[in-house]
Amino acid sequence: MAQTLIKPVTYEEFIEWYPNDGKRYELHDGVTIEMAPPTGDHEKVVGFLAVEIAVQLRQLNLPYTIPKTAFVKTPSAKSTYSPDVLLLNLDNLDNEPLFQKESTVTQAESVPLVVEVVSTNWRDDYHKKFADYEEMGIPEFWIADYKGLGGREFIGDPKQPTFFVCELVNGEYVRKMYRGSGLIISPTFPQLNLTAQQIFDSALPQGNQ
């Protein structure tokens, strides 16, 4: 039986096609992927982390911003991601050829930190995006696995909520695991006063925190 080959979608085709329908899409190795609608607890964690990062920006007076919607185009140009939280360096955006018209960055100098909050498609965060952000040279990558969904090779057995700080060292991410009440160490934000448990608790109903 003959196999039908699907022509990969280019970044240009993806951006030109991208609909204004209220849904989120990403390009994964040339294939357009509709992202699952976010759950309420997922969005609470995203919002909590965005606020914590924004506080650090204000305190340290850094030339960074958090866009509502922006894309990260990988070095291979086969994938284009829309991270849960994306920190952009305003000082480098003038060097980004795609940012003004397409809200897309391609340079590590533009992205001090990227955050993914894990959902059911956890393999994307732990494998695909981990590798692509590393290859791009993004200095710091947070993985917030507040439900403990990731593979056992990453979060152990039995699975439990886990937070990772991935720091780029000599071109490769060094991943550090956090749980409980230990303070998270962030190279980007050395004054960060935050624990993994606070992040996990942000997903709970207000009365259970």
C-alpha atoms as a PDB file:
ATOM      1  CA  MET A   1       0.000   0.000   0.000  1.00  0.00           C
ATOM      2  CA  ALA A   2       1.445   3.338  -1.029  1.00  0.00           C
ATOM      3  CA  GLN A   3       2.138   5.814   1.751  1.00  0.00           C
ATOM      4  CA  THR A   4       0.874   9.360   1.309  1.00  0.00           C
ATOM      5  CA  LEU A   5       3.555  11.875   2.196  1.00  0.00           C
ATOM      6  CA  ILE A   6       2.424  15.116   3.786  1.00  0.00           C
ATOM      7  CA  LYS A   7       4.456  18.137   2.737  1.00  0.00           C
ATOM      8  CA  PRO A   8       5.918  19.914   5.785  1.00  0.00           C
ATOM      9  CA  VAL A   9       4.557  23.375   6.532  1.00  0.00           C
ATOM     10  CA  THR A  10       7.134  26.153   6.512  1.00  0.00           C
ATOM     11  CA  TYR A  11       7.279  28.903   9.109  1.00  0.00           C
ATOM     12  CA  GLU A  12       6.126  31.418   6.479  1.00  0.00           C
ATOM     13  CA  GLU A  13       3.126  29.266   5.568  1.00  0.00           C
ATOM     14  CA  PHE A  14       2.272  28.735   9.232  1.00  0.00           C
ATOM     15  CA  ILE A  15       2.305  32.466  10.025  1.00  0.00           C
ATOM     16  CA  GLU A  16       0.339  33.366   6.900  1.00  0.00           C
ATOM     17  CA  TRP A  17      -2.292  30.710   7.707  1.00  0.00           C
ATOM     18  CA  TYR A  18      -2.554  31.395  11.458  1.00  0.00           C
ATOM     19  CA  PRO A  19      -6.270  32.088  12.107  1.00  0.00           C
ATOM     20  CA  ASN A  20      -7.784  34.581  14.514  1.00  0.00           C
ATOM     21  CA  ASP A  21     -10.137  32.033  16.041  1.00  0.00           C
ATOM     22  CA  GLY A  22      -9.162  32.256  19.691  1.00  0.00           C
ATOM     23  CA  LYS A  23      -7.235  28.963  19.581  1.00  0.00           C
ATOM     24  CA  ARG A  24      -3.496  28.399  20.005  1.00  0.00           C
ATOM     25  CA  TYR A  25      -1.391  26.651  17.410  1.00  0.00           C
ATOM     26  CA  GLU A  26       2.250  25.652  17.196  1.00  0.00           C
ATOM     27  CA  LEU A  27       4.433  24.272  14.433  1.00  0.00           C
ATOM     28  CA  HIS A  28       6.139  20.998  15.409  1.00  0.00           C
ATOM     29  CA  ASP A  29       8.672  19.696  12.889  1.00  0.00           C
ATOM     30  CA  GLY A  30       6.682  21.113   9.998  1.00  0.00           C
ATOM     31  CA  VAL A  31       3.281  19.947  11.290  1.00  0.00           C
ATOM     32  CA  THR A  32       0.650  22.396  12.545  1.00  0.00           C
ATOM     33  CA  ILE A  33      -0.568  21.390  15.999  1.00  0.00           C
ATOM     34  CA  GLU A  34      -3.700  22.753  17.676  1.00  0.00           C
ATOM     35  CA  MET A  35      -2.930  23.138  21.360  1.00  0.00           C
ATOM     36  CA  ALA A  36      -5.439  21.660  23.772  1.00  0.00           C
ATOM     37  CA  PRO A  37      -7.624  24.284  25.491  1.00  0.00           C
ATOM     38  CA  PRO A  38      -5.968  25.198  28.800  1.00  0.00           C
ATOM     39  CA  THR A  39      -7.591  24.127  32.044  1.00  0.00           C
ATOM     40  CA  GLY A  40      -8.312  26.590  34.814  1.00  0.00           C
ATOM     41  CA  ASP A  41      -5.596  25.261  37.109  1.00  0.00           C
ATOM     42  CA  HIS A  42      -3.047  25.378  34.281  1.00  0.00           C
ATOM     43  CA  GLU A  43      -3.838  29.042  33.643  1.00  0.00           C
ATOM     44  CA  LYS A  44      -3.624  29.821  37.368  1.00  0.00           C
ATOM     45  CA  VAL A  45      -0.068  28.475  37.435  1.00  0.00           C
ATOM     46  CA  VAL A  46       0.832  30.409  34.277  1.00  0.00           C
ATOM     47  CA  GLY A  47      -0.576  33.614  35.766  1.00  0.00           C
ATOM     48  CA  PHE A  48       1.137  33.044  39.113  1.00  0.00           C
ATOM     49  CA  LEU A  49       4.542  32.585  37.487  1.00  0.00           C
ATOM     50  CA  ALA A  50       4.040  35.582  35.193  1.00  0.00           C
ATOM     51  CA  VAL A  51       3.285  37.786  38.211  1.00  0.00           C
ATOM     52  CA  GLU A  52       6.307  36.474  40.147  1.00  0.00           C
ATOM     53  CA  ILE A  53       8.553  37.199  37.161  1.00  0.00           C
ATOM     54  CA  ALA A  54       7.022  40.652  36.690  1.00  0.00           C
ATOM     55  CA  VAL A  55       7.793  41.504  40.318  1.00  0.00           C
ATOM     56  CA  GLN A  56      11.414  40.613  39.717  1.00  0.00           C
ATOM     57  CA  LEU A  57      11.526  42.783  36.598  1.00  0.00           C
ATOM     58  CA  ARG A  58      10.255  45.763  38.559  1.00  0.00           C
ATOM     59  CA  GLN A  59      12.604  45.204  41.509  1.00  0.00           C
ATOM     60  CA  LEU A  60      15.707  44.737  39.361  1.00  0.00           C
ATOM     61  CA  ASN A  61      14.703  47.367  36.779  1.00  0.00           C
ATOM     62  CA  LEU A  62      15.494  45.012  33.907  1.00  0.00           C
ATOM     63  CA  PRO A  63      14.751  45.921  30.252  1.00  0.00           C
ATOM     64  CA  TYR A  64      12.532  42.866  29.844  1.00  0.00           C
ATOM     65  CA  THR A  65       8.860  42.355  29.083  1.00  0.00           C
ATOM     66  CA  ILE A  66       6.325  39.518  28.983  1.00  0.00           C
ATOM     67  CA  PRO A  67       4.270  39.584  25.761  1.00  0.00           C
ATOM     68  CA  LYS A  68       0.683  38.368  25.650  1.00  0.00           C
ATOM     69  CA  THR A  69       1.367  36.389  22.491  1.00  0.00           C
ATOM     70  CA  ALA A  70       4.691  35.788  20.772  1.00  0.00           C
ATOM     71  CA  PHE A  71       6.463  32.970  18.960  1.00  0.00           C
ATOM     72  CA  VAL A  72       9.874  31.387  19.294  1.00  0.00           C
ATOM     73  CA  LYS A  73      11.222  30.070  15.992  1.00  0.00           C
ATOM     74  CA  THR A  74      13.759  27.278  16.395  1.00  0.00           C
ATOM     75  CA  PRO A  75      17.171  27.263  14.668  1.00  0.00           C
ATOM     76  CA  SER A  76      16.070  24.559  12.236  1.00  0.00           C
ATOM     77  CA  ALA A  77      13.006  26.693  11.364  1.00  0.00           C
ATOM     78  CA  LYS A  78      10.901  23.515  11.411  1.00  0.00           C
ATOM     79  CA  SER A  79       9.191  24.350  14.704  1.00  0.00           C
ATOM     80  CA  THR A  80       7.605  27.499  16.094  1.00  0.00           C
ATOM     81  CA  TYR A  81       6.431  27.592  19.693  1.00  0.00           C
ATOM     82  CA  SER A  82       4.180  29.839  21.762  1.00  0.00           C
ATOM     83  CA  PRO A  83       5.512  29.396  25.320  1.00  0.00           C
ATOM     84  CA  ASP A  84       3.301  29.663  28.387  1.00  0.00           C
ATOM     85  CA  VAL A  85       5.497  32.505  29.667  1.00  0.00           C
ATOM     86  CA  LEU A  86       8.081  34.187  27.447  1.00  0.00           C
ATOM     87  CA  LEU A  87      10.506  36.769  28.771  1.00  0.00           C
ATOM     88  CA  LEU A  88      11.807  39.121  26.094  1.00  0.00           C
ATOM     89  CA  ASN A  89      14.838  41.381  26.178  1.00  0.00           C
ATOM     90  CA  LEU A  90      13.662  44.730  24.812  1.00  0.00           C
ATOM     91  CA  ASP A  91      17.234  45.786  24.035  1.00  0.00           C
ATOM     92  CA  ASN A  92      17.602  43.075  21.401  1.00  0.00           C
ATOM     93  CA  LEU A  93      14.238  43.200  19.662  1.00  0.00           C
ATOM     94  CA  ASP A  94      15.474  45.710  17.082  1.00  0.00           C
ATOM     95  CA  ASN A  95      17.808  42.945  15.879  1.00  0.00           C
ATOM     96  CA  GLU A  96      14.937  40.529  15.358  1.00  0.00           C
ATOM     97  CA  PRO A  97      13.859  40.624  11.686  1.00  0.00           C
ATOM     98  CA  LEU A  98      10.487  38.948  12.316  1.00  0.00           C
ATOM     99  CA  PHE A  99       9.380  40.553  15.545  1.00  0.00           C
ATOM    100  CA  GLN A 100       7.808  43.805  14.382  1.00  0.00           C
ATOM    101  CA  LYS A 101       5.420  42.241  11.866  1.00  0.00           C
ATOM    102  CA  GLU A 102       5.073  38.670  13.108  1.00  0.00           C
ATOM    103  CA  SER A 103       5.834  38.826  16.864  1.00  0.00           C
ATOM    104  CA  THR A 104       8.471  36.116  16.396  1.00  0.00           C
ATOM    105  CA  VAL A 105      11.961  35.882  17.887  1.00  0.00           C
ATOM    106  CA  THR A 106      14.804  33.728  16.608  1.00  0.00           C
ATOM    107  CA  GLN A 107      17.789  34.803  18.722  1.00  0.00           C
ATOM    108  CA  ALA A 108      18.774  33.606  22.192  1.00  0.00           C
ATOM    109  CA  GLU A 109      19.780  37.173  23.044  1.00  0.00           C
ATOM    110  CA  SER A 110      16.088  38.065  22.922  1.00  0.00           C
ATOM    111  CA  VAL A 111      14.959  35.366  25.382  1.00  0.00           C
ATOM    112  CA  PRO A 112      16.484  35.422  28.891  1.00  0.00           C
ATOM    113  CA  LEU A 113      13.919  32.932  30.164  1.00  0.00           C
ATOM    114  CA  VAL A 114      11.169  30.690  28.822  1.00  0.00           C
ATOM    115  CA  VAL A 115       8.553  28.833  30.893  1.00  0.00           C
ATOM    116  CA  GLU A 116       6.411  25.823  30.023  1.00  0.00           C
ATOM    117  CA  VAL A 117       3.647  24.635  32.350  1.00  0.00           C
ATOM    118  CA  VAL A 118       3.212  20.911  31.749  1.00  0.00           C
ATOM    119  CA  SER A 119      -0.089  19.476  30.552  1.00  0.00           C
ATOM    120  CA  THR A 120      -1.056  16.094  29.090  1.00  0.00           C
ATOM    121  CA  ASN A 121       1.341  16.544  26.142  1.00  0.00           C
ATOM    122  CA  TRP A 122       4.268  16.470  28.578  1.00  0.00           C
ATOM    123  CA  ARG A 123       6.628  14.889  26.055  1.00  0.00           C
ATOM    124  CA  ASP A 124       6.696  18.164  24.127  1.00  0.00           C
ATOM    125  CA  ASP A 125       8.050  20.041  27.145  1.00  0.00           C
ATOM    126  CA  TYR A 126      10.491  17.411  28.402  1.00  0.00           C
ATOM    127  CA  HIS A 127      11.824  16.292  25.027  1.00  0.00           C
ATOM    128  CA  LYS A 128      11.053  18.428  21.993  1.00  0.00           C
ATOM    129  CA  LYS A 129      11.008  21.919  23.503  1.00  0.00           C
ATOM    130  CA  PHE A 130      13.810  21.085  25.916  1.00  0.00           C
ATOM    131  CA  ALA A 131      16.048  20.150  22.976  1.00  0.00           C
ATOM    132  CA  ASP A 132      15.017  23.070  20.774  1.00  0.00           C
ATOM    133  CA  TYR A 133      15.363  25.742  23.474  1.00  0.00           C
ATOM    134  CA  GLU A 134      18.743  24.244  24.351  1.00  0.00           C
ATOM    135  CA  GLU A 135      19.880  24.297  20.724  1.00  0.00           C
ATOM    136  CA  MET A 136      18.696  27.874  20.366  1.00  0.00           C
ATOM    137  CA  GLY A 137      20.811  28.832  23.376  1.00  0.00           C
ATOM    138  CA  ILE A 138      18.092  30.221  25.653  1.00  0.00           C
ATOM    139  CA  PRO A 139      19.915  30.728  28.983  1.00  0.00           C
ATOM    140  CA  GLU A 140      17.160  29.530  31.305  1.00  0.00           C
ATOM    141  CA  PHE A 141      14.133  27.261  30.904  1.00  0.00           C
ATOM    142  CA  TRP A 142      11.564  26.496  33.611  1.00  0.00           C
ATOM    143  CA  ILE A 143       9.368  23.390  33.524  1.00  0.00           C
ATOM    144  CA  ALA A 144       6.443  23.588  35.949  1.00  0.00           C
ATOM    145  CA  ASP A 145       5.015  20.080  36.241  1.00  0.00           C
ATOM    146  CA  TYR A 146       2.430  20.934  38.909  1.00  0.00           C
ATOM    147  CA  LYS A 147       0.408  17.740  38.388  1.00  0.00           C
ATOM    148  CA  GLY A 148       3.335  15.350  38.157  1.00  0.00           C
ATOM    149  CA  LEU A 149       2.539  14.274  34.599  1.00  0.00           C
ATOM    150  CA  GLY A 150       6.058  13.871  33.209  1.00  0.00           C
ATOM    151  CA  GLY A 151       7.878  10.636  32.513  1.00  0.00           C
ATOM    152  CA  ARG A 152       9.261   8.628  35.409  1.00  0.00           C
ATOM    153  CA  GLU A 153      12.793   9.120  34.124  1.00  0.00           C
ATOM    154  CA  PHE A 154      12.355  12.812  34.922  1.00  0.00           C
ATOM    155  CA  ILE A 155      10.168  12.973  38.035  1.00  0.00           C
ATOM    156  CA  GLY A 156      10.594   9.505  39.506  1.00  0.00           C
ATOM    157  CA  ASP A 157       8.191   6.784  40.570  1.00  0.00           C
ATOM    158  CA  PRO A 158       5.709   7.386  42.080  1.00  0.00           C
ATOM    159  CA  LYS A 159       5.157  10.541  40.095  1.00  0.00           C
ATOM    160  CA  GLN A 160       4.732  13.772  42.015  1.00  0.00           C
ATOM    161  CA  PRO A 161       4.612  17.508  41.253  1.00  0.00           C
ATOM    162  CA  THR A 162       8.032  18.781  40.236  1.00  0.00           C
ATOM    163  CA  PHE A 163       9.586  22.070  39.158  1.00  0.00           C
ATOM    164  CA  PHE A 164      12.759  22.230  37.073  1.00  0.00           C
ATOM    165  CA  VAL A 165      15.193  25.045  36.421  1.00  0.00           C
ATOM    166  CA  CYS A 166      17.249  24.251  33.331  1.00  0.00           C
ATOM    167  CA  GLU A 167      20.362  26.426  33.100  1.00  0.00           C
ATOM    168  CA  LEU A 168      22.438  26.542  29.926  1.00  0.00           C
ATOM    169  CA  VAL A 169      26.028  25.569  30.768  1.00  0.00           C
ATOM    170  CA  ASN A 170      28.562  25.120  27.944  1.00  0.00           C
ATOM    171  CA  GLY A 171      25.768  24.790  25.418  1.00  0.00           C
ATOM    172  CA  GLU A 172      23.751  22.189  27.329  1.00  0.00           C
ATOM    173  CA  TYR A 173      20.983  22.445  29.892  1.00  0.00           C
ATOM    174  CA  VAL A 174      21.786  21.428  33.445  1.00  0.00           C
ATOM    175  CA  ARG A 175      18.461  20.507  35.016  1.00  0.00           C
ATOM    176  CA  LYS A 176      17.834  21.061  38.732  1.00  0.00           C
ATOM    177  CA  MET A 177      14.754  19.606  40.414  1.00  0.00           C
ATOM    178  CA  TYR A 178      12.680  21.379  43.079  1.00  0.00           C
ATOM    179  CA  ARG A 179       9.918  20.152  45.361  1.00  0.00           C
ATOM    180  CA  GLY A 180       8.517  21.265  48.682  1.00  0.00           C
ATOM    181  CA  SER A 181       9.695  24.356  50.534  1.00  0.00           C
ATOM    182  CA  GLY A 182      13.266  24.699  49.270  1.00  0.00           C
ATOM    183  CA  LEU A 183      13.949  28.046  47.587  1.00  0.00           C
ATOM    184  CA  ILE A 184      14.239  27.948  43.796  1.00  0.00           C
ATOM    185  CA  ILE A 185      17.610  29.166  42.508  1.00  0.00           C
ATOM    186  CA  SER A 186      17.276  31.160  39.283  1.00  0.00           C
ATOM    187  CA  PRO A 187      20.327  32.487  37.399  1.00  0.00           C
ATOM    188  CA  THR A 188      18.157  35.195  35.813  1.00  0.00           C
ATOM    189  CA  PHE A 189      16.591  36.264  39.115  1.00  0.00           C
ATOM    190  CA  PRO A 190      19.076  35.740  41.977  1.00  0.00           C
ATOM    191  CA  GLN A 191      16.717  37.516  44.404  1.00  0.00           C
ATOM    192  CA  LEU A 192      13.785  35.230  43.621  1.00  0.00           C
ATOM    193  CA  ASN A 193      12.001  34.231  46.837  1.00  0.00           C
ATOM    194  CA  LEU A 194       9.851  31.364  45.615  1.00  0.00           C
ATOM    195  CA  THR A 195       9.369  27.685  46.386  1.00  0.00           C
ATOM    196  CA  ALA A 196       8.065  24.854  44.265  1.00  0.00           C
ATOM    197  CA  GLN A 197       5.241  24.290  46.739  1.00  0.00           C
ATOM    198  CA  GLN A 198       4.026  27.863  46.292  1.00  0.00           C
ATOM    199  CA  ILE A 199       3.815  27.219  42.551  1.00  0.00           C
ATOM    200  CA  PHE A 200       1.933  23.956  43.021  1.00  0.00           C
ATOM    201  CA  ASP A 201      -0.434  25.554  45.548  1.00  0.00           C
ATOM    202  CA  SER A 202      -1.328  28.314  43.074  1.00  0.00           C
ATOM    203  CA  ALA A 203      -3.331  25.715  41.107  1.00  0.00           C
ATOM    204  CA  LEU A 204      -5.497  24.767  44.105  1.00  0.00           C
ATOM    205  CA  PRO A 205      -8.898  26.233  44.944  1.00  0.00           C
ATOM    206  CA  GLN A 206      -8.458  29.369  47.050  1.00  0.00           C
ATOM    207  CA  GLY A 207      -9.680  27.736  50.246  1.00  0.00           C
ATOM    208  CA  ASN A 208      -7.199  24.845  49.960  1.00  0.00           C
ATOM    209  CA  GLN A 209      -4.061  26.955  49.696  1.00  0.00           C
END
